[in-house]
PDB file of N, CA and C in Angstrom:
ATOM      1  N   MET A   1      -7.789  10.451 -72.973  1.00  0.00           N
ATOM      2  CA  MET A   1      -7.117  11.573 -72.589  1.00  0.00           C
ATOM      3  C   MET A   1      -7.469  12.692 -73.635  1.00  0.00           C
ATOM      4  N   ASN A   2      -7.756  13.873 -73.111  1.00  0.00           N
ATOM      5  CA  ASN A   2      -7.990  15.029 -74.057  1.00  0.00           C
ATOM      6  C   ASN A   2      -6.794  15.998 -74.039  1.00  0.00           C
ATOM      7  N   LYS A   3      -6.810  17.002 -74.778  1.00  0.00           N
ATOM      8  CA  LYS A   3      -5.794  18.020 -74.904  1.00  0.00           C
ATOM      9  C   LYS A   3      -5.433  18.626 -73.527  1.00  0.00           C
ATOM     10  N   SER A   4      -6.424  18.917 -72.734  1.00  0.00           N
ATOM     11  CA  SER A   4      -6.160  19.585 -71.432  1.00  0.00           C
ATOM     12  C   SER A   4      -5.404  18.675 -70.518  1.00  0.00           C
ATOM     13  N   GLU A   5      -5.803  17.430 -70.570  1.00  0.00           N
ATOM     14  CA  GLU A   5      -5.145  16.407 -69.748  1.00  0.00           C
ATOM     15  C   GLU A   5      -3.703  16.153 -70.255  1.00  0.00           C
ATOM     16  N   LEU A   6      -3.476  16.183 -71.620  1.00  0.00           N
ATOM     17  CA  LEU A   6      -2.163  16.088 -72.145  1.00  0.00           C
ATOM     18  C   LEU A   6      -1.248  17.242 -71.675  1.00  0.00           C
ATOM     19  N   ILE A   7      -1.792  18.446 -71.638  1.00  0.00           N
ATOM     20  CA  ILE A   7      -1.068  19.571 -71.255  1.00  0.00           C
ATOM     21  C   ILE A   7      -0.720  19.477 -69.737  1.00  0.00           C
ATOM     22  N   GLU A   8      -1.637  19.069 -68.951  1.00  0.00           N
ATOM     23  CA  GLU A   8      -1.417  18.871 -67.544  1.00  0.00           C
ATOM     24  C   GLU A   8      -0.280  17.910 -67.191  1.00  0.00           C
ATOM     25  N   ALA A   9      -0.319  16.755 -67.957  1.00  0.00           N
ATOM     26  CA  ALA A   9       0.609  15.640 -67.810  1.00  0.00           C
ATOM     27  C   ALA A   9       1.970  16.150 -68.219  1.00  0.00           C
ATOM     28  N   LEU A  10       2.126  16.878 -69.337  1.00  0.00           N
ATOM     29  CA  LEU A  10       3.362  17.467 -69.749  1.00  0.00           C
ATOM     30  C   LEU A  10       3.993  18.404 -68.747  1.00  0.00           C
ATOM     31  N   ALA A  11       3.118  19.269 -68.242  1.00  0.00           N
ATOM     32  CA  ALA A  11       3.524  20.303 -67.205  1.00  0.00           C
ATOM     33  C   ALA A  11       4.133  19.553 -66.022  1.00  0.00           C
ATOM     34  N   GLN A  12       3.453  18.509 -65.507  1.00  0.00           N
ATOM     35  CA  GLN A  12       3.949  17.845 -64.349  1.00  0.00           C
ATOM     36  C   GLN A  12       5.216  16.966 -64.704  1.00  0.00           C
ATOM     37  N   ASP A  13       5.251  16.324 -65.810  1.00  0.00           N
ATOM     38  CA  ASP A  13       6.356  15.477 -66.231  1.00  0.00           C
ATOM     39  C   ASP A  13       7.649  16.221 -66.305  1.00  0.00           C
ATOM     40  N   ILE A  14       7.589  17.357 -66.967  1.00  0.00           N
ATOM     41  CA  ILE A  14       8.798  18.099 -67.128  1.00  0.00           C
ATOM     42  C   ILE A  14       9.081  19.344 -66.303  1.00  0.00           C
ATOM     43  N   GLY A  15       8.063  19.539 -65.361  1.00  0.00           N
ATOM     44  CA  GLY A  15       8.145  20.613 -64.394  1.00  0.00           C
ATOM     45  C   GLY A  15       8.213  21.996 -64.964  1.00  0.00           C
ATOM     46  N   VAL A  16       7.285  22.226 -65.857  1.00  0.00           N
ATOM     47  CA  VAL A  16       7.157  23.599 -66.474  1.00  0.00           C
ATOM     48  C   VAL A  16       5.760  24.122 -66.058  1.00  0.00           C
ATOM     49  N   PRO A  17       5.622  25.489 -66.163  1.00  0.00           N
ATOM     50  CA  PRO A  17       4.285  26.097 -65.892  1.00  0.00           C
ATOM     51  C   PRO A  17       3.242  25.516 -66.956  1.00  0.00           C
ATOM     52  N   HIS A  18       2.021  25.625 -66.571  1.00  0.00           N
ATOM     53  CA  HIS A  18       0.945  25.157 -67.414  1.00  0.00           C
ATOM     54  C   HIS A  18       0.960  25.888 -68.724  1.00  0.00           C
ATOM     55  N   ARG A  19       1.126  27.129 -68.698  1.00  0.00           N
ATOM     56  CA  ARG A  19       1.127  28.014 -69.868  1.00  0.00           C
ATOM     57  C   ARG A  19       2.222  27.594 -70.918  1.00  0.00           C
ATOM     58  N   GLU A  20       3.382  27.188 -70.440  1.00  0.00           N
ATOM     59  CA  GLU A  20       4.476  26.787 -71.221  1.00  0.00           C
ATOM     60  C   GLU A  20       4.129  25.401 -71.815  1.00  0.00           C
ATOM     61  N   ALA A  21       3.613  24.508 -71.043  1.00  0.00           N
ATOM     62  CA  ALA A  21       3.220  23.143 -71.509  1.00  0.00           C
ATOM     63  C   ALA A  21       2.165  23.296 -72.625  1.00  0.00           C
ATOM     64  N   ALA A  22       1.207  24.236 -72.453  1.00  0.00           N
ATOM     65  CA  ALA A  22       0.158  24.486 -73.447  1.00  0.00           C
ATOM     66  C   ALA A  22       0.765  25.031 -74.728  1.00  0.00           C
ATOM     67  N   ALA A  23       1.737  25.898 -74.686  1.00  0.00           N
ATOM     68  CA  ALA A  23       2.427  26.349 -75.788  1.00  0.00           C
ATOM     69  C   ALA A  23       3.194  25.244 -76.632  1.00  0.00           C
ATOM     70  N   ILE A  24       3.819  24.398 -75.800  1.00  0.00           N
ATOM     71  CA  ILE A  24       4.588  23.288 -76.419  1.00  0.00           C
ATOM     72  C   ILE A  24       3.563  22.351 -77.070  1.00  0.00           C
ATOM     73  N   THR A  25       2.564  21.981 -76.506  1.00  0.00           N
ATOM     74  CA  THR A  25       1.540  21.064 -77.031  1.00  0.00           C
ATOM     75  C   THR A  25       0.874  21.604 -78.295  1.00  0.00           C
ATOM     76  N   ASN A  26       0.560  22.910 -78.255  1.00  0.00           N
ATOM     77  CA  ASN A  26      -0.048  23.603 -79.357  1.00  0.00           C
ATOM     78  C   ASN A  26       0.850  23.637 -80.569  1.00  0.00           C
ATOM     79  N   THR A  27       2.130  23.870 -80.281  1.00  0.00           N
ATOM     80  CA  THR A  27       3.127  23.863 -81.366  1.00  0.00           C
ATOM     81  C   THR A  27       3.288  22.563 -81.947  1.00  0.00           C
ATOM     82  N   VAL A  28       3.349  21.484 -81.239  1.00  0.00           N
ATOM     83  CA  VAL A  28       3.424  20.086 -81.808  1.00  0.00           C
ATOM     84  C   VAL A  28       2.274  19.749 -82.684  1.00  0.00           C
ATOM     85  N   ILE A  29       1.056  20.098 -82.080  1.00  0.00           N
ATOM     86  CA  ILE A  29      -0.150  19.705 -82.875  1.00  0.00           C
ATOM     87  C   ILE A  29      -0.362  20.608 -84.165  1.00  0.00           C
ATOM     88  N   ASP A  30      -0.019  21.878 -84.007  1.00  0.00           N
ATOM     89  CA  ASP A  30      -0.042  22.762 -85.197  1.00  0.00           C
ATOM     90  C   ASP A  30       0.832  22.373 -86.289  1.00  0.00           C
ATOM     91  N   THR A  31       2.180  22.007 -85.835  1.00  0.00           N
ATOM     92  CA  THR A  31       3.169  21.570 -86.834  1.00  0.00           C
ATOM     93  C   THR A  31       2.733  20.243 -87.569  1.00  0.00           C
ATOM     94  N   MET A  32       2.100  19.352 -86.796  1.00  0.00           N
ATOM     95  CA  MET A  32       1.698  18.056 -87.377  1.00  0.00           C
ATOM     96  C   MET A  32       0.599  18.398 -88.359  1.00  0.00           C
ATOM     97  N   THR A  33      -0.374  19.271 -87.992  1.00  0.00           N
ATOM     98  CA  THR A  33      -1.509  19.596 -88.787  1.00  0.00           C
ATOM     99  C   THR A  33      -1.088  20.256 -90.148  1.00  0.00           C
ATOM    100  N   GLU A  34      -0.110  21.126 -90.028  1.00  0.00           N
ATOM    101  CA  GLU A  34       0.413  21.754 -91.237  1.00  0.00           C
ATOM    102  C   GLU A  34       1.049  20.832 -92.171  1.00  0.00           C
ATOM    103  N   ALA A  35       1.927  19.876 -91.547  1.00  0.00           N
ATOM    104  CA  ALA A  35       2.534  18.885 -92.416  1.00  0.00           C
ATOM    105  C   ALA A  35       1.520  17.963 -93.151  1.00  0.00           C
ATOM    106  N   LEU A  36       0.480  17.567 -92.419  1.00  0.00           N
ATOM    107  CA  LEU A  36      -0.589  16.759 -93.071  1.00  0.00           C
ATOM    108  C   LEU A  36      -1.286  17.582 -94.164  1.00  0.00           C
ATOM    109  N   ALA A  37      -1.544  18.819 -93.917  1.00  0.00           N
ATOM    110  CA  ALA A  37      -2.230  19.652 -94.849  1.00  0.00           C
ATOM    111  C   ALA A  37      -1.507  19.801 -96.088  1.00  0.00           C
ATOM    112  N   ARG A  38      -0.100  19.722 -95.997  1.00  0.00           N
ATOM    113  CA  ARG A  38       0.820  19.813 -97.173  1.00  0.00           C
ATOM    114  C   ARG A  38       0.939  18.494 -97.888  1.00  0.00           C
ATOM    115  N   GLY A  39       0.263  17.457 -97.341  1.00  0.00           N
ATOM    116  CA  GLY A  39       0.323  16.067 -97.856  1.00  0.00           C
ATOM    117  C   GLY A  39       1.494  15.273 -97.454  1.00  0.00           C
ATOM    118  N   GLU A  40       2.232  15.753 -96.491  1.00  0.00           N
ATOM    119  CA  GLU A  40       3.394  14.982 -95.878  1.00  0.00           C
ATOM    120  C   GLU A  40       2.875  13.888 -94.955  1.00  0.00           C
ATOM    121  N   SER A  41       3.721  12.919 -94.790  1.00  0.00           N
ATOM    122  CA  SER A  41       3.373  11.890 -93.718  1.00  0.00           C
ATOM    123  C   SER A  41       4.137  12.174 -92.467  1.00  0.00           C
ATOM    124  N   ILE A  42       3.717  11.716 -91.330  1.00  0.00           N
ATOM    125  CA  ILE A  42       4.473  11.858 -90.054  1.00  0.00           C
ATOM    126  C   ILE A  42       4.706  10.520 -89.513  1.00  0.00           C
ATOM    127  N   GLU A  43       5.936  10.279 -89.071  1.00  0.00           N
ATOM    128  CA  GLU A  43       6.278   8.935 -88.486  1.00  0.00           C
ATOM    129  C   GLU A  43       6.898   9.246 -87.140  1.00  0.00           C
ATOM    130  N   ILE A  44       6.329   8.616 -86.116  1.00  0.00           N
ATOM    131  CA  ILE A  44       6.835   8.750 -84.684  1.00  0.00           C
ATOM    132  C   ILE A  44       7.158   7.296 -84.341  1.00  0.00           C
ATOM    133  N   ARG A  45       8.469   6.991 -84.387  1.00  0.00           N
ATOM    134  CA  ARG A  45       8.911   5.589 -84.090  1.00  0.00           C
ATOM    135  C   ARG A  45       8.410   5.136 -82.816  1.00  0.00           C
ATOM    136  N   GLY A  46       7.855   3.921 -82.737  1.00  0.00           N
ATOM    137  CA  GLY A  46       7.318   3.249 -81.581  1.00  0.00           C
ATOM    138  C   GLY A  46       5.859   3.614 -81.207  1.00  0.00           C
ATOM    139  N   PHE A  47       5.390   4.645 -81.952  1.00  0.00           N
ATOM    140  CA  PHE A  47       3.976   5.139 -81.750  1.00  0.00           C
ATOM    141  C   PHE A  47       3.131   4.841 -82.967  1.00  0.00           C
ATOM    142  N   GLY A  48       3.538   5.361 -84.080  1.00  0.00           N
ATOM    143  CA  GLY A  48       2.786   5.146 -85.249  1.00  0.00           C
ATOM    144  C   GLY A  48       3.006   6.181 -86.311  1.00  0.00           C
ATOM    145  N   SER A  49       2.288   6.129 -87.407  1.00  0.00           N
ATOM    146  CA  SER A  49       2.474   7.133 -88.477  1.00  0.00           C
ATOM    147  C   SER A  49       1.132   7.607 -88.922  1.00  0.00           C
ATOM    148  N   PHE A  50       1.131   8.801 -89.372  1.00  0.00           N
ATOM    149  CA  PHE A  50       0.006   9.492 -89.935  1.00  0.00           C
ATOM    150  C   PHE A  50       0.242   9.733 -91.473  1.00  0.00           C
ATOM    151  N   VAL A  51      -0.651   9.232 -92.279  1.00  0.00           N
ATOM    152  CA  VAL A  51      -0.515   9.447 -93.678  1.00  0.00           C
ATOM    153  C   VAL A  51      -1.852   9.949 -94.194  1.00  0.00           C
ATOM    154  N   ILE A  52      -1.810  10.590 -95.435  1.00  0.00           N
ATOM    155  CA  ILE A  52      -2.981  11.085 -96.127  1.00  0.00           C
ATOM    156  C   ILE A  52      -3.378   9.953 -97.120  1.00  0.00           C
ATOM    157  N   LYS A  53      -4.566   9.547 -96.953  1.00  0.00           N
ATOM    158  CA  LYS A  53      -5.162   8.570 -97.910  1.00  0.00           C
ATOM    159  C   LYS A  53      -6.046   9.377 -98.926  1.00  0.00           C
ATOM    160  N   HIS A  54      -5.976   9.000-100.085  1.00  0.00           N
ATOM    161  CA  HIS A  54      -6.735   9.588-101.197  1.00  0.00           C
ATOM    162  C   HIS A  54      -7.882   8.667-101.596  1.00  0.00           C
ATOM    163  N   TYR A  55      -9.107   9.249-101.620  1.00  0.00           N
ATOM    164  CA  TYR A  55     -10.285   8.464-101.951  1.00  0.00           C
ATOM    165  C   TYR A  55     -10.849   9.119-103.182  1.00  0.00           C
ATOM    166  N   GLY A  56     -11.159   8.281-104.150  1.00  0.00           N
ATOM    167  CA  GLY A  56     -11.772   8.746-105.432  1.00  0.00           C
ATOM    168  C   GLY A  56     -13.257   9.208-105.255  1.00  0.00           C
ATOM    169  N   SER A  57     -13.753   9.687-106.366  1.00  0.00           N
ATOM    170  CA  SER A  57     -15.174  10.000-106.273  1.00  0.00           C
ATOM    171  C   SER A  57     -16.010   8.718-106.461  1.00  0.00           C
ATOM    172  N   TYR A  58     -17.199   8.694-105.929  1.00  0.00           N
ATOM    173  CA  TYR A  58     -18.099   7.594-106.101  1.00  0.00           C
ATOM    174  C   TYR A  58     -19.564   8.034-106.072  1.00  0.00           C
ATOM    175  N   GLU A  59     -20.474   7.128-106.428  1.00  0.00           N
ATOM    176  CA  GLU A  59     -21.865   7.572-106.391  1.00  0.00           C
ATOM    177  C   GLU A  59     -22.460   7.010-105.115  1.00  0.00           C
ATOM    178  N   GLY A  60     -22.993   7.829-104.250  1.00  0.00           N
ATOM    179  CA  GLY A  60     -23.612   7.473-103.090  1.00  0.00           C
ATOM    180  C   GLY A  60     -25.114   7.745-103.045  1.00  0.00           C
ATOM    181  N   ARG A  61     -25.756   7.553-101.939  1.00  0.00           N
ATOM    182  CA  ARG A  61     -27.223   7.824-101.886  1.00  0.00           C
ATOM    183  C   ARG A  61     -27.452   8.637-100.659  1.00  0.00           C
ATOM    184  N   ASN A  62     -28.459   9.538-100.800  1.00  0.00           N
ATOM    185  CA  ASN A  62     -28.908  10.324 -99.666  1.00  0.00           C
ATOM    186  C   ASN A  62     -29.678   9.383 -98.830  1.00  0.00           C
ATOM    187  N   PRO A  63     -29.326   9.239 -97.489  1.00  0.00           N
ATOM    188  CA  PRO A  63     -30.036   8.314 -96.688  1.00  0.00           C
ATOM    189  C   PRO A  63     -31.472   8.581 -96.421  1.00  0.00           C
ATOM    190  N   LYS A  64     -31.794   9.917 -96.492  1.00  0.00           N
ATOM    191  CA  LYS A  64     -33.262  10.336 -96.231  1.00  0.00           C
ATOM    192  C   LYS A  64     -34.110  10.057 -97.484  1.00  0.00           C
ATOM    193  N   THR A  65     -33.639  10.469 -98.658  1.00  0.00           N
ATOM    194  CA  THR A  65     -34.507  10.397 -99.788  1.00  0.00           C
ATOM    195  C   THR A  65     -34.110   9.159-100.725  1.00  0.00           C
ATOM    196  N   GLY A  66     -33.054   8.649-100.533  1.00  0.00           N
ATOM    197  CA  GLY A  66     -32.573   7.518-101.410  1.00  0.00           C
ATOM    198  C   GLY A  66     -32.073   7.965-102.815  1.00  0.00           C
ATOM    199  N   LYS A  67     -32.069   9.301-102.947  1.00  0.00           N
ATOM    200  CA  LYS A  67     -31.570   9.817-104.343  1.00  0.00           C
ATOM    201  C   LYS A  67     -30.109   9.629-104.395  1.00  0.00           C
ATOM    202  N   LYS A  68     -29.673   9.337-105.627  1.00  0.00           N
ATOM    203  CA  LYS A  68     -28.238   9.125-105.924  1.00  0.00           C
ATOM    204  C   LYS A  68     -27.539  10.490-105.985  1.00  0.00           C
ATOM    205  N   ILE A  69     -26.364  10.520-105.419  1.00  0.00           N
ATOM    206  CA  ILE A  69     -25.560  11.743-105.397  1.00  0.00           C
ATOM    207  C   ILE A  69     -24.087  11.328-105.698  1.00  0.00           C
ATOM    208  N   LYS A  70     -23.312  12.322-106.255  1.00  0.00           N
ATOM    209  CA  LYS A  70     -21.982  12.131-106.558  1.00  0.00           C
ATOM    210  C   LYS A  70     -21.176  12.613-105.397  1.00  0.00           C
ATOM    211  N   VAL A  71     -20.346  11.773-104.843  1.00  0.00           N
ATOM    212  CA  VAL A  71     -19.424  12.225-103.803  1.00  0.00           C
ATOM    213  C   VAL A  71     -18.075  12.522-104.388  1.00  0.00           C
ATOM    214  N   SER A  72     -17.616  13.767-104.129  1.00  0.00           N
ATOM    215  CA  SER A  72     -16.313  14.231-104.673  1.00  0.00           C
ATOM    216  C   SER A  72     -15.194  13.530-104.074  1.00  0.00           C
ATOM    217  N   PRO A  73     -14.062  13.451-104.842  1.00  0.00           N
ATOM    218  CA  PRO A  73     -12.818  12.873-104.269  1.00  0.00           C
ATOM    219  C   PRO A  73     -12.379  13.584-103.083  1.00  0.00           C
ATOM    220  N   LYS A  74     -11.706  12.901-102.171  1.00  0.00           N
ATOM    221  CA  LYS A  74     -11.334  13.572-100.952  1.00  0.00           C
ATOM    222  C   LYS A  74     -10.053  13.043-100.347  1.00  0.00           C
ATOM    223  N   LYS A  75      -9.382  13.669 -99.544  1.00  0.00           N
ATOM    224  CA  LYS A  75      -8.163  13.219 -98.862  1.00  0.00           C
ATOM    225  C   LYS A  75      -8.468  13.233 -97.339  1.00  0.00           C
ATOM    226  N   LEU A  76      -8.071  12.177 -96.612  1.00  0.00           N
ATOM    227  CA  LEU A  76      -8.377  12.124 -95.203  1.00  0.00           C
ATOM    228  C   LEU A  76      -7.041  11.644 -94.515  1.00  0.00           C
ATOM    229  N   PRO A  77      -6.766  12.162 -93.308  1.00  0.00           N
ATOM    230  CA  PRO A  77      -5.726  11.581 -92.510  1.00  0.00           C
ATOM    231  C   PRO A  77      -6.018  10.178 -92.014  1.00  0.00           C
ATOM    232  N   PHE A  78      -5.005   9.373 -91.966  1.00  0.00           N
ATOM    233  CA  PHE A  78      -5.186   8.011 -91.478  1.00  0.00           C
ATOM    234  C   PHE A  78      -3.969   7.681 -90.500  1.00  0.00           C
ATOM    235  N   PHE A  79      -4.282   7.041 -89.401  1.00  0.00           N
ATOM    236  CA  PHE A  79      -3.272   6.626 -88.478  1.00  0.00           C
ATOM    237  C   PHE A  79      -2.981   5.175 -88.530  1.00  0.00           C
ATOM    238  N   LYS A  80      -1.750   4.779 -88.588  1.00  0.00           N
ATOM    239  CA  LYS A  80      -1.341   3.429 -88.585  1.00  0.00           C
ATOM    240  C   LYS A  80      -0.512   3.238 -87.339  1.00  0.00           C
ATOM    241  N   VAL A  81      -0.993   2.373 -86.465  1.00  0.00           N
ATOM    242  CA  VAL A  81      -0.280   2.191 -85.175  1.00  0.00           C
ATOM    243  C   VAL A  81       1.046   1.537 -85.414  1.00  0.00           C
ATOM    244  N   GLY A  82       2.017   1.822 -84.542  1.00  0.00           N
ATOM    245  CA  GLY A  82       3.406   1.300 -84.682  1.00  0.00           C
ATOM    246  C   GLY A  82       3.403  -0.056 -83.839  1.00  0.00           C
ATOM    247  N   LYS A  83       4.462  -0.788 -84.141  1.00  0.00           N
ATOM    248  CA  LYS A  83       4.531  -2.134 -83.604  1.00  0.00           C
ATOM    249  C   LYS A  83       4.704  -2.088 -81.964  1.00  0.00           C
ATOM    250  N   ASP A  84       5.452  -1.138 -81.506  1.00  0.00           N
ATOM    251  CA  ASP A  84       5.608  -1.041 -80.027  1.00  0.00           C
ATOM    252  C   ASP A  84       4.328  -0.685 -79.283  1.00  0.00           C
ATOM    253  N   LEU A  85       3.666   0.334 -79.910  1.00  0.00           N
ATOM    254  CA  LEU A  85       2.338   0.746 -79.253  1.00  0.00           C
ATOM    255  C   LEU A  85       1.344  -0.445 -79.302  1.00  0.00           C
ATOM    256  N   ARG A  86       1.219  -1.116 -80.449  1.00  0.00           N
ATOM    257  CA  ARG A  86       0.272  -2.258 -80.600  1.00  0.00           C
ATOM    258  C   ARG A  86       0.604  -3.267 -79.613  1.00  0.00           C
ATOM    259  N   GLU A  87       1.880  -3.683 -79.434  1.00  0.00           N
ATOM    260  CA  GLU A  87       2.194  -4.697 -78.470  1.00  0.00           C
ATOM    261  C   GLU A  87       1.956  -4.232 -77.021  1.00  0.00           C
ATOM    262  N   GLN A  88       2.144  -2.990 -76.713  1.00  0.00           N
ATOM    263  CA  GLN A  88       1.942  -2.456 -75.382  1.00  0.00           C
ATOM    264  C   GLN A  88       0.459  -2.467 -75.040  1.00  0.00           C
ATOM    265  N   VAL A  89      -0.412  -2.048 -76.016  1.00  0.00           N
ATOM    266  CA  VAL A  89      -1.834  -2.027 -75.880  1.00  0.00           C
ATOM    267  C   VAL A  89      -2.363  -3.507 -75.668  1.00  0.00           C
ATOM    268  N   ASN A  90      -1.830  -4.388 -76.516  1.00  0.00           N
ATOM    269  CA  ASN A  90      -2.327  -5.860 -76.403  1.00  0.00           C
ATOM    270  C   ASN A  90      -1.892  -6.540 -75.106  1.00  0.00           C
ATOM    271  N   SER A  91      -0.729  -6.055 -74.516  1.00  0.00           N
ATOM    272  CA  SER A  91      -0.259  -6.743 -73.236  1.00  0.00           C
ATOM    273  C   SER A  91      -1.039  -6.282 -72.041  1.00  0.00           C
ATOM    274  N   LYS A  92      -1.931  -5.290 -72.203  1.00  0.00           N
ATOM    275  CA  LYS A  92      -2.670  -4.722 -71.090  1.00  0.00           C
ATOM    276  C   LYS A  92      -4.076  -5.341 -70.910  1.00  0.00           C
ATOM    277  N   ARG A  93      -4.235  -6.488 -71.395  1.00  0.00           N
ATOM    278  CA  ARG A  93      -5.520  -7.189 -71.359  1.00  0.00           C
ATOM    279  C   ARG A  93      -5.849  -7.720 -69.949  1.00  0.00           C
TER     280      ARG A  93
END
């Protein structure tokens, strides 16, 4: 499912115009993005949680030249699936 399909499903499920469903979807995504950018975690019970993982610097290699390079520390969002979602996905085999 992509963002357009999510907007369409929301519009149909709650019976609102497409434009309003798009605004709701964009607000939710923007709010979650802003929270993660501030370093906050997000927990949606039954679905999962988004947390920021911190990775230290390390020495890597350029795949083309083989030359050693220093990779800077970074932070990346990480999704941890919730129990209910995991069970639902596993029961659909």
